[in-house]
Amino acid sequence: MIGDQILAGGGSYVLGNLLISAITAGCTFGWLLLFDVPYLLVLALLVALLDLIPVVGSTLAGVIVALVSLTVSVPTALATVGFFVALRLINDLSAQTRSFRAGTAEPVGTCR
């Protein structure tokens, strides 16, 4: 049935997105630990939650984490901005593309 196919595809997309958010939170936790930024666990969990929001979630998370990292130093905040830009690029170019493909069983960029 078509409903089962939609549910299976959507379910794998959601699971892929949850996995991506968990990986992003883990990377953020490690980064914040490296630079001794305060509230690293809370910020990592916030990144995981905000990363679930399509398009703007990871950017919003990066802005919040960069603002908090300003409490350490300006170079730390600038490095954190660079980290989130790189993380976003890697995420957009690799993981989400594969997750979307697995969820839809269609190559990205194909139209019917």
C-alpha atoms as a PDB file:
ATOM      1  CA  MET A   1       0.000   0.000   0.000  1.00  0.00           C
ATOM      2  CA  ILE A   2       1.117   3.514  -0.657  1.00  0.00           C
ATOM      3  CA  GLY A   3       0.467   4.551   2.952  1.00  0.00           C
ATOM      4  CA  ASP A   4       2.963   1.973   4.198  1.00  0.00           C
ATOM      5  CA  GLN A   5       5.581   3.229   1.737  1.00  0.00           C
ATOM      6  CA  ILE A   6       5.063   6.817   2.880  1.00  0.00           C
ATOM      7  CA  LEU A   7       5.293   5.796   6.540  1.00  0.00           C
ATOM      8  CA  ALA A   8       8.443   3.747   5.938  1.00  0.00           C
ATOM      9  CA  GLY A   9      10.107   6.565   3.986  1.00  0.00           C
ATOM     10  CA  GLY A  10       9.128   9.254   6.462  1.00  0.00           C
ATOM     11  CA  GLY A  11      10.195   7.099   9.385  1.00  0.00           C
ATOM     12  CA  SER A  12      13.671   6.557   8.007  1.00  0.00           C
ATOM     13  CA  TYR A  13      13.977  10.299   7.307  1.00  0.00           C
ATOM     14  CA  VAL A  14      13.030  11.109  10.915  1.00  0.00           C
ATOM     15  CA  LEU A  15      15.449   8.506  12.295  1.00  0.00           C
ATOM     16  CA  GLY A  16      18.205   9.873  10.067  1.00  0.00           C
ATOM     17  CA  ASN A  17      17.486  13.402  11.241  1.00  0.00           C
ATOM     18  CA  LEU A  18      17.577  12.298  14.898  1.00  0.00           C
ATOM     19  CA  LEU A  19      20.924  10.593  14.310  1.00  0.00           C
ATOM     20  CA  ILE A  20      22.327  13.712  12.643  1.00  0.00           C
ATOM     21  CA  SER A  21      21.147  15.842  15.580  1.00  0.00           C
ATOM     22  CA  ALA A  22      22.775  13.474  18.071  1.00  0.00           C
ATOM     23  CA  ILE A  23      26.076  13.544  16.164  1.00  0.00           C
ATOM     24  CA  THR A  24      25.930  17.340  15.962  1.00  0.00           C
ATOM     25  CA  ALA A  25      25.311  17.564  19.705  1.00  0.00           C
ATOM     26  CA  GLY A  26      28.232  15.241  20.416  1.00  0.00           C
ATOM     27  CA  CYS A  27      30.576  17.269  18.209  1.00  0.00           C
ATOM     28  CA  THR A  28      29.392  20.475  19.868  1.00  0.00           C
ATOM     29  CA  PHE A  29      29.946  18.985  23.336  1.00  0.00           C
ATOM     30  CA  GLY A  30      33.502  18.037  22.376  1.00  0.00           C
ATOM     31  CA  TRP A  31      34.197  21.479  20.914  1.00  0.00           C
ATOM     32  CA  LEU A  32      32.872  23.290  23.968  1.00  0.00           C
ATOM     33  CA  LEU A  33      34.810  20.973  26.270  1.00  0.00           C
ATOM     34  CA  LEU A  34      37.988  21.710  24.322  1.00  0.00           C
ATOM     35  CA  PHE A  35      37.570  25.470  24.783  1.00  0.00           C
ATOM     36  CA  ASP A  36      36.191  25.297  28.339  1.00  0.00           C
ATOM     37  CA  VAL A  37      32.940  27.064  27.448  1.00  0.00           C
ATOM     38  CA  PRO A  38      30.448  27.130  30.349  1.00  0.00           C
ATOM     39  CA  TYR A  39      27.123  25.261  30.263  1.00  0.00           C
ATOM     40  CA  LEU A  40      28.441  22.819  27.659  1.00  0.00           C
ATOM     41  CA  LEU A  41      25.924  20.061  28.395  1.00  0.00           C
ATOM     42  CA  VAL A  42      22.961  22.431  28.247  1.00  0.00           C
ATOM     43  CA  LEU A  43      24.282  23.988  25.039  1.00  0.00           C
ATOM     44  CA  ALA A  44      24.883  20.583  23.437  1.00  0.00           C
ATOM     45  CA  LEU A  45      21.325  19.510  24.256  1.00  0.00           C
ATOM     46  CA  LEU A  46      20.008  22.817  22.910  1.00  0.00           C
ATOM     47  CA  VAL A  47      21.955  22.235  19.692  1.00  0.00           C
ATOM     48  CA  ALA A  48      20.406  18.756  19.410  1.00  0.00           C
ATOM     49  CA  LEU A  49      16.900  20.166  19.785  1.00  0.00           C
ATOM     50  CA  LEU A  50      17.373  23.151  17.505  1.00  0.00           C
ATOM     51  CA  ASP A  51      19.060  21.019  14.847  1.00  0.00           C
ATOM     52  CA  LEU A  52      15.736  19.240  14.382  1.00  0.00           C
ATOM     53  CA  ILE A  53      14.232  22.466  13.016  1.00  0.00           C
ATOM     54  CA  PRO A  54      14.654  22.418   9.231  1.00  0.00           C
ATOM     55  CA  VAL A  55      16.751  25.108   7.504  1.00  0.00           C
ATOM     56  CA  VAL A  56      17.299  27.560  10.384  1.00  0.00           C
ATOM     57  CA  GLY A  57      17.727  25.344  13.445  1.00  0.00           C
ATOM     58  CA  SER A  58      21.449  24.692  13.214  1.00  0.00           C
ATOM     59  CA  THR A  59      22.136  28.342  12.385  1.00  0.00           C
ATOM     60  CA  LEU A  60      20.152  29.517  15.400  1.00  0.00           C
ATOM     61  CA  ALA A  61      21.987  27.012  17.586  1.00  0.00           C
ATOM     62  CA  GLY A  62      25.336  28.255  16.265  1.00  0.00           C
ATOM     63  CA  VAL A  63      24.456  31.862  17.047  1.00  0.00           C
ATOM     64  CA  ILE A  64      23.438  30.999  20.616  1.00  0.00           C
ATOM     65  CA  VAL A  65      26.554  28.893  21.253  1.00  0.00           C
ATOM     66  CA  ALA A  66      28.800  31.586  19.746  1.00  0.00           C
ATOM     67  CA  LEU A  67      27.243  34.220  22.011  1.00  0.00           C
ATOM     68  CA  VAL A  68      27.842  32.066  25.081  1.00  0.00           C
ATOM     69  CA  SER A  69      31.403  31.354  23.961  1.00  0.00           C
ATOM     70  CA  LEU A  70      31.993  35.118  23.984  1.00  0.00           C
ATOM     71  CA  THR A  71      32.133  34.764  27.767  1.00  0.00           C
ATOM     72  CA  VAL A  72      35.425  32.882  27.292  1.00  0.00           C
ATOM     73  CA  SER A  73      37.061  35.141  24.689  1.00  0.00           C
ATOM     74  CA  VAL A  74      36.525  36.745  21.308  1.00  0.00           C
ATOM     75  CA  PRO A  75      38.903  34.302  19.546  1.00  0.00           C
ATOM     76  CA  THR A  76      36.946  31.399  21.058  1.00  0.00           C
ATOM     77  CA  ALA A  77      33.696  32.899  19.773  1.00  0.00           C
ATOM     78  CA  LEU A  78      35.167  33.377  16.287  1.00  0.00           C
ATOM     79  CA  ALA A  79      36.508  29.824  16.272  1.00  0.00           C
ATOM     80  CA  THR A  80      33.071  28.601  17.369  1.00  0.00           C
ATOM     81  CA  VAL A  81      31.446  30.459  14.480  1.00  0.00           C
ATOM     82  CA  GLY A  82      33.914  28.772  12.124  1.00  0.00           C
ATOM     83  CA  PHE A  83      33.163  25.412  13.731  1.00  0.00           C
ATOM     84  CA  PHE A  84      29.428  25.810  13.179  1.00  0.00           C
ATOM     85  CA  VAL A  85      29.887  26.972   9.589  1.00  0.00           C
ATOM     86  CA  ALA A  86      32.045  23.916   8.874  1.00  0.00           C
ATOM     87  CA  LEU A  87      29.621  21.647  10.732  1.00  0.00           C
ATOM     88  CA  ARG A  88      26.699  23.035   8.756  1.00  0.00           C
ATOM     89  CA  LEU A  89      28.511  22.551   5.439  1.00  0.00           C
ATOM     90  CA  ILE A  90      29.481  18.978   6.275  1.00  0.00           C
ATOM     91  CA  ASN A  91      25.977  18.263   7.498  1.00  0.00           C
ATOM     92  CA  ASP A  92      24.300  19.742   4.440  1.00  0.00           C
ATOM     93  CA  LEU A  93      26.626  18.154   1.922  1.00  0.00           C
ATOM     94  CA  SER A  94      26.793  14.641   3.300  1.00  0.00           C
ATOM     95  CA  ALA A  95      24.583  13.386   6.080  1.00  0.00           C
ATOM     96  CA  GLN A  96      21.294  15.090   5.261  1.00  0.00           C
ATOM     97  CA  THR A  97      21.580  14.241   1.585  1.00  0.00           C
ATOM     98  CA  ARG A  98      21.984  10.551   2.417  1.00  0.00           C
ATOM     99  CA  SER A  99      19.191  10.699   4.973  1.00  0.00           C
ATOM    100  CA  PHE A 100      16.870  12.354   2.485  1.00  0.00           C
ATOM    101  CA  ARG A 101      17.728   9.817  -0.190  1.00  0.00           C
ATOM    102  CA  ALA A 102      17.124   6.920   2.167  1.00  0.00           C
ATOM    103  CA  GLY A 103      13.816   8.402   3.244  1.00  0.00           C
ATOM    104  CA  THR A 104      12.518   9.050  -0.247  1.00  0.00           C
ATOM    105  CA  ALA A 105      14.379   6.413  -2.286  1.00  0.00           C
ATOM    106  CA  GLU A 106      14.914   9.096  -4.926  1.00  0.00           C
ATOM    107  CA  PRO A 107      18.211  10.764  -5.814  1.00  0.00           C
ATOM    108  CA  VAL A 108      18.338  14.375  -4.722  1.00  0.00           C
ATOM    109  CA  GLY A 109      17.653  16.732  -7.591  1.00  0.00           C
ATOM    110  CA  THR A 110      15.376  14.455  -9.583  1.00  0.00           C
ATOM    111  CA  CYS A 111      11.918  15.649 -10.540  1.00  0.00           C
ATOM    112  CA  ARG A 112       9.012  13.761 -11.943  1.00  0.00           C
END
